[in-house]
Amino acid sequence: MLTENEVSRTWSRLFKDGLTEDAFDNADNLLSELRPESPLRHRLELELGELRKMHLSQAKA
């Protein structure tokens, strides 16, 4: 299991190359490393939801 610091550092690099399916898969894997009650997990889950919405809107355009 990764620490919250490790997850946070990795998360910040995930989407540097754009919103790709690999990045989304890696983000899901990172979230699974955090405890369910973790505030960081909650924040990143919300952020991931927003990124997915952006990705879908870009794909439709």
C-alpha atoms as a PDB file:
ATOM      1  CA  MET A   1       0.000   0.000   0.000  1.00  0.00           C
ATOM      2  CA  LEU A   2       1.283   3.459  -0.928  1.00  0.00           C
ATOM      3  CA  THR A   3       1.371   6.398   1.431  1.00  0.00           C
ATOM      4  CA  GLU A   4      -0.787   9.450   0.811  1.00  0.00           C
ATOM      5  CA  ASN A   5       2.351  11.413  -0.111  1.00  0.00           C
ATOM      6  CA  GLU A   6       3.328   8.827  -2.730  1.00  0.00           C
ATOM      7  CA  VAL A   7      -0.181   8.800  -4.170  1.00  0.00           C
ATOM      8  CA  SER A   8      -0.257  12.599  -4.265  1.00  0.00           C
ATOM      9  CA  ARG A   9       3.103  12.830  -6.082  1.00  0.00           C
ATOM     10  CA  THR A  10       2.129  10.158  -8.591  1.00  0.00           C
ATOM     11  CA  TRP A  11      -1.306  11.712  -9.144  1.00  0.00           C
ATOM     12  CA  SER A  12       0.225  15.041 -10.107  1.00  0.00           C
ATOM     13  CA  ARG A  13       2.132  13.327 -12.948  1.00  0.00           C
ATOM     14  CA  LEU A  14      -0.691  11.135 -14.243  1.00  0.00           C
ATOM     15  CA  PHE A  15      -2.403  13.542 -16.593  1.00  0.00           C
ATOM     16  CA  LYS A  16       0.621  15.494 -17.855  1.00  0.00           C
ATOM     17  CA  ASP A  17       0.337  13.768 -21.237  1.00  0.00           C
ATOM     18  CA  GLY A  18      -3.382  14.408 -21.474  1.00  0.00           C
ATOM     19  CA  LEU A  19      -6.599  12.669 -20.537  1.00  0.00           C
ATOM     20  CA  THR A  20      -5.940   9.138 -21.744  1.00  0.00           C
ATOM     21  CA  GLU A  21      -7.549   5.822 -20.866  1.00  0.00           C
ATOM     22  CA  ASP A  22      -4.233   4.663 -19.400  1.00  0.00           C
ATOM     23  CA  ALA A  23      -4.136   7.709 -17.139  1.00  0.00           C
ATOM     24  CA  PHE A  24      -7.692   7.020 -15.958  1.00  0.00           C
ATOM     25  CA  ASP A  25      -6.845   3.367 -15.286  1.00  0.00           C
ATOM     26  CA  ASN A  26      -3.741   4.372 -13.338  1.00  0.00           C
ATOM     27  CA  ALA A  27      -5.759   6.926 -11.379  1.00  0.00           C
ATOM     28  CA  ASP A  28      -8.282   4.244 -10.395  1.00  0.00           C
ATOM     29  CA  ASN A  29      -5.437   1.999  -9.269  1.00  0.00           C
ATOM     30  CA  LEU A  30      -3.933   4.793  -7.205  1.00  0.00           C
ATOM     31  CA  LEU A  31      -7.254   5.478  -5.502  1.00  0.00           C
ATOM     32  CA  SER A  32      -7.507   1.839  -4.518  1.00  0.00           C
ATOM     33  CA  GLU A  33      -4.229   2.262  -2.605  1.00  0.00           C
ATOM     34  CA  LEU A  34      -5.845   4.738  -0.220  1.00  0.00           C
ATOM     35  CA  ARG A  35      -8.045   3.930   2.749  1.00  0.00           C
ATOM     36  CA  PRO A  36     -11.769   4.379   1.998  1.00  0.00           C
ATOM     37  CA  GLU A  37     -12.070   7.020   4.735  1.00  0.00           C
ATOM     38  CA  SER A  38      -9.057   9.011   3.521  1.00  0.00           C
ATOM     39  CA  PRO A  39      -9.808  12.699   2.826  1.00  0.00           C
ATOM     40  CA  LEU A  40      -7.249  12.563   0.016  1.00  0.00           C
ATOM     41  CA  ARG A  41      -9.122   9.679  -1.591  1.00  0.00           C
ATOM     42  CA  HIS A  42     -12.378  11.612  -1.424  1.00  0.00           C
ATOM     43  CA  ARG A  43     -10.786  14.712  -2.972  1.00  0.00           C
ATOM     44  CA  LEU A  44      -9.100  12.747  -5.755  1.00  0.00           C
ATOM     45  CA  GLU A  45     -12.289  10.808  -6.530  1.00  0.00           C
ATOM     46  CA  LEU A  46     -14.083  14.130  -7.055  1.00  0.00           C
ATOM     47  CA  GLU A  47     -11.226  15.416  -9.195  1.00  0.00           C
ATOM     48  CA  LEU A  48     -11.220  12.236 -11.266  1.00  0.00           C
ATOM     49  CA  GLY A  49     -14.950  12.584 -11.869  1.00  0.00           C
ATOM     50  CA  GLU A  50     -14.415  16.118 -13.159  1.00  0.00           C
ATOM     51  CA  LEU A  51     -11.559  15.003 -15.404  1.00  0.00           C
ATOM     52  CA  ARG A  52     -13.736  12.244 -16.855  1.00  0.00           C
ATOM     53  CA  LYS A  53     -16.476  14.789 -17.612  1.00  0.00           C
ATOM     54  CA  MET A  54     -13.920  16.993 -19.373  1.00  0.00           C
ATOM     55  CA  HIS A  55     -12.636  14.012 -21.353  1.00  0.00           C
ATOM     56  CA  LEU A  56     -16.146  13.067 -22.462  1.00  0.00           C
ATOM     57  CA  SER A  57     -16.992  16.623 -23.500  1.00  0.00           C
ATOM     58  CA  GLN A  58     -13.745  16.855 -25.492  1.00  0.00           C
ATOM     59  CA  ALA A  59     -14.460  13.527 -27.177  1.00  0.00           C
ATOM     60  CA  LYS A  60     -17.905  14.704 -28.258  1.00  0.00           C
ATOM     61  CA  ALA A  61     -16.579  17.965 -29.742  1.00  0.00           C
END
